[in-house]
Amino acid sequence: MQKQLLKDLIDWIENSSLEDLALRRLKLEELIGNTMGTEVQSDLKLAIRLIDEEVVTRACLLPKSA
């Protein structure tokens, strides 16, 4: 993945709502199924991993209820 594209993706992920992240993840999974190129699939899988990482990080940062 190109450096600038990766930077833009990370910036978008950090500034998106959880709902936006979930919707984008679903679209990326759909694209993986329709894509034949392994390089493109690798980039899509990387984007999904970054989204998943952000979701988990946000969940860990939420205050715990007693």
C-alpha atoms as a PDB file:
ATOM      1  CA  MET A   1       0.000   0.000   0.000  1.00  0.00           C
ATOM      2  CA  GLN A   2       1.306   3.457  -0.841  1.00  0.00           C
ATOM      3  CA  LYS A   3       2.542   5.500   2.113  1.00  0.00           C
ATOM      4  CA  GLN A   4       0.191   8.440   1.523  1.00  0.00           C
ATOM      5  CA  LEU A   5      -2.804   6.149   1.074  1.00  0.00           C
ATOM      6  CA  LEU A   6      -1.933   4.371   4.314  1.00  0.00           C
ATOM      7  CA  LYS A   7      -1.558   7.695   6.150  1.00  0.00           C
ATOM      8  CA  ASP A   8      -4.925   8.872   4.809  1.00  0.00           C
ATOM      9  CA  LEU A   9      -6.565   5.598   5.821  1.00  0.00           C
ATOM     10  CA  ILE A  10      -5.197   5.798   9.359  1.00  0.00           C
ATOM     11  CA  ASP A  11      -6.321   9.415   9.637  1.00  0.00           C
ATOM     12  CA  TRP A  12      -9.808   8.480   8.462  1.00  0.00           C
ATOM     13  CA  ILE A  13      -9.977   5.544  10.889  1.00  0.00           C
ATOM     14  CA  GLU A  14      -8.938   7.690  13.841  1.00  0.00           C
ATOM     15  CA  ASN A  15     -11.586  10.303  13.054  1.00  0.00           C
ATOM     16  CA  SER A  16     -14.506   8.018  12.151  1.00  0.00           C
ATOM     17  CA  SER A  17     -17.385   6.877  14.285  1.00  0.00           C
ATOM     18  CA  LEU A  18     -17.772   3.219  15.210  1.00  0.00           C
ATOM     19  CA  GLU A  19     -20.743   3.027  12.860  1.00  0.00           C
ATOM     20  CA  ASP A  20     -18.671   4.353   9.952  1.00  0.00           C
ATOM     21  CA  LEU A  21     -15.912   1.873  10.765  1.00  0.00           C
ATOM     22  CA  ALA A  22     -18.370  -1.036  10.809  1.00  0.00           C
ATOM     23  CA  LEU A  23     -19.890  -0.011   7.478  1.00  0.00           C
ATOM     24  CA  ARG A  24     -16.499   0.399   5.808  1.00  0.00           C
ATOM     25  CA  ARG A  25     -15.343  -2.969   7.179  1.00  0.00           C
ATOM     26  CA  LEU A  26     -18.359  -4.689   5.624  1.00  0.00           C
ATOM     27  CA  LYS A  27     -17.660  -3.026   2.275  1.00  0.00           C
ATOM     28  CA  LEU A  28     -14.014  -4.093   2.405  1.00  0.00           C
ATOM     29  CA  GLU A  29     -14.966  -7.700   3.164  1.00  0.00           C
ATOM     30  CA  GLU A  30     -17.307  -7.647   0.180  1.00  0.00           C
ATOM     31  CA  LEU A  31     -14.528  -6.277  -2.029  1.00  0.00           C
ATOM     32  CA  ILE A  32     -12.152  -9.054  -0.944  1.00  0.00           C
ATOM     33  CA  GLY A  33     -14.612 -11.640  -2.227  1.00  0.00           C
ATOM     34  CA  ASN A  34     -14.863  -9.878  -5.584  1.00  0.00           C
ATOM     35  CA  THR A  35     -11.132  -9.204  -6.057  1.00  0.00           C
ATOM     36  CA  MET A  36      -8.765 -11.607  -7.766  1.00  0.00           C
ATOM     37  CA  GLY A  37      -5.427  -9.821  -7.330  1.00  0.00           C
ATOM     38  CA  THR A  38      -3.456 -10.959  -4.290  1.00  0.00           C
ATOM     39  CA  GLU A  39      -1.815  -7.552  -3.822  1.00  0.00           C
ATOM     40  CA  VAL A  40      -5.200  -5.835  -3.746  1.00  0.00           C
ATOM     41  CA  GLN A  41      -6.553  -8.469  -1.373  1.00  0.00           C
ATOM     42  CA  SER A  42      -3.556  -7.909   0.905  1.00  0.00           C
ATOM     43  CA  ASP A  43      -4.240  -4.169   0.989  1.00  0.00           C
ATOM     44  CA  LEU A  44      -7.913  -4.756   1.761  1.00  0.00           C
ATOM     45  CA  LYS A  45      -7.035  -7.181   4.559  1.00  0.00           C
ATOM     46  CA  LEU A  46      -4.600  -4.638   5.995  1.00  0.00           C
ATOM     47  CA  ALA A  47      -7.345  -2.002   6.022  1.00  0.00           C
ATOM     48  CA  ILE A  48      -9.668  -4.430   7.836  1.00  0.00           C
ATOM     49  CA  ARG A  49      -6.975  -5.214  10.427  1.00  0.00           C
ATOM     50  CA  LEU A  50      -6.418  -1.511  11.057  1.00  0.00           C
ATOM     51  CA  ILE A  51     -10.152  -0.952  11.505  1.00  0.00           C
ATOM     52  CA  ASP A  52     -10.388  -3.934  13.877  1.00  0.00           C
ATOM     53  CA  GLU A  53      -7.439  -2.638  15.871  1.00  0.00           C
ATOM     54  CA  GLU A  54      -9.084   0.776  16.235  1.00  0.00           C
ATOM     55  CA  VAL A  55     -12.371  -0.759  17.387  1.00  0.00           C
ATOM     56  CA  VAL A  56     -10.611  -2.907  19.995  1.00  0.00           C
ATOM     57  CA  THR A  57      -8.528   0.042  21.180  1.00  0.00           C
ATOM     58  CA  ARG A  58     -11.623   2.187  21.617  1.00  0.00           C
ATOM     59  CA  ALA A  59     -13.351  -0.615  23.518  1.00  0.00           C
ATOM     60  CA  CYS A  60     -10.390  -0.936  25.872  1.00  0.00           C
ATOM     61  CA  LEU A  61     -10.378   2.806  26.528  1.00  0.00           C
ATOM     62  CA  LEU A  62     -14.041   2.966  27.523  1.00  0.00           C
ATOM     63  CA  PRO A  63     -14.581   3.523  31.232  1.00  0.00           C
ATOM     64  CA  LYS A  64     -15.501   0.349  33.045  1.00  0.00           C
ATOM     65  CA  SER A  65     -18.828   0.404  34.879  1.00  0.00           C
ATOM     66  CA  ALA A  66     -18.737  -0.851  38.454  1.00  0.00           C
END
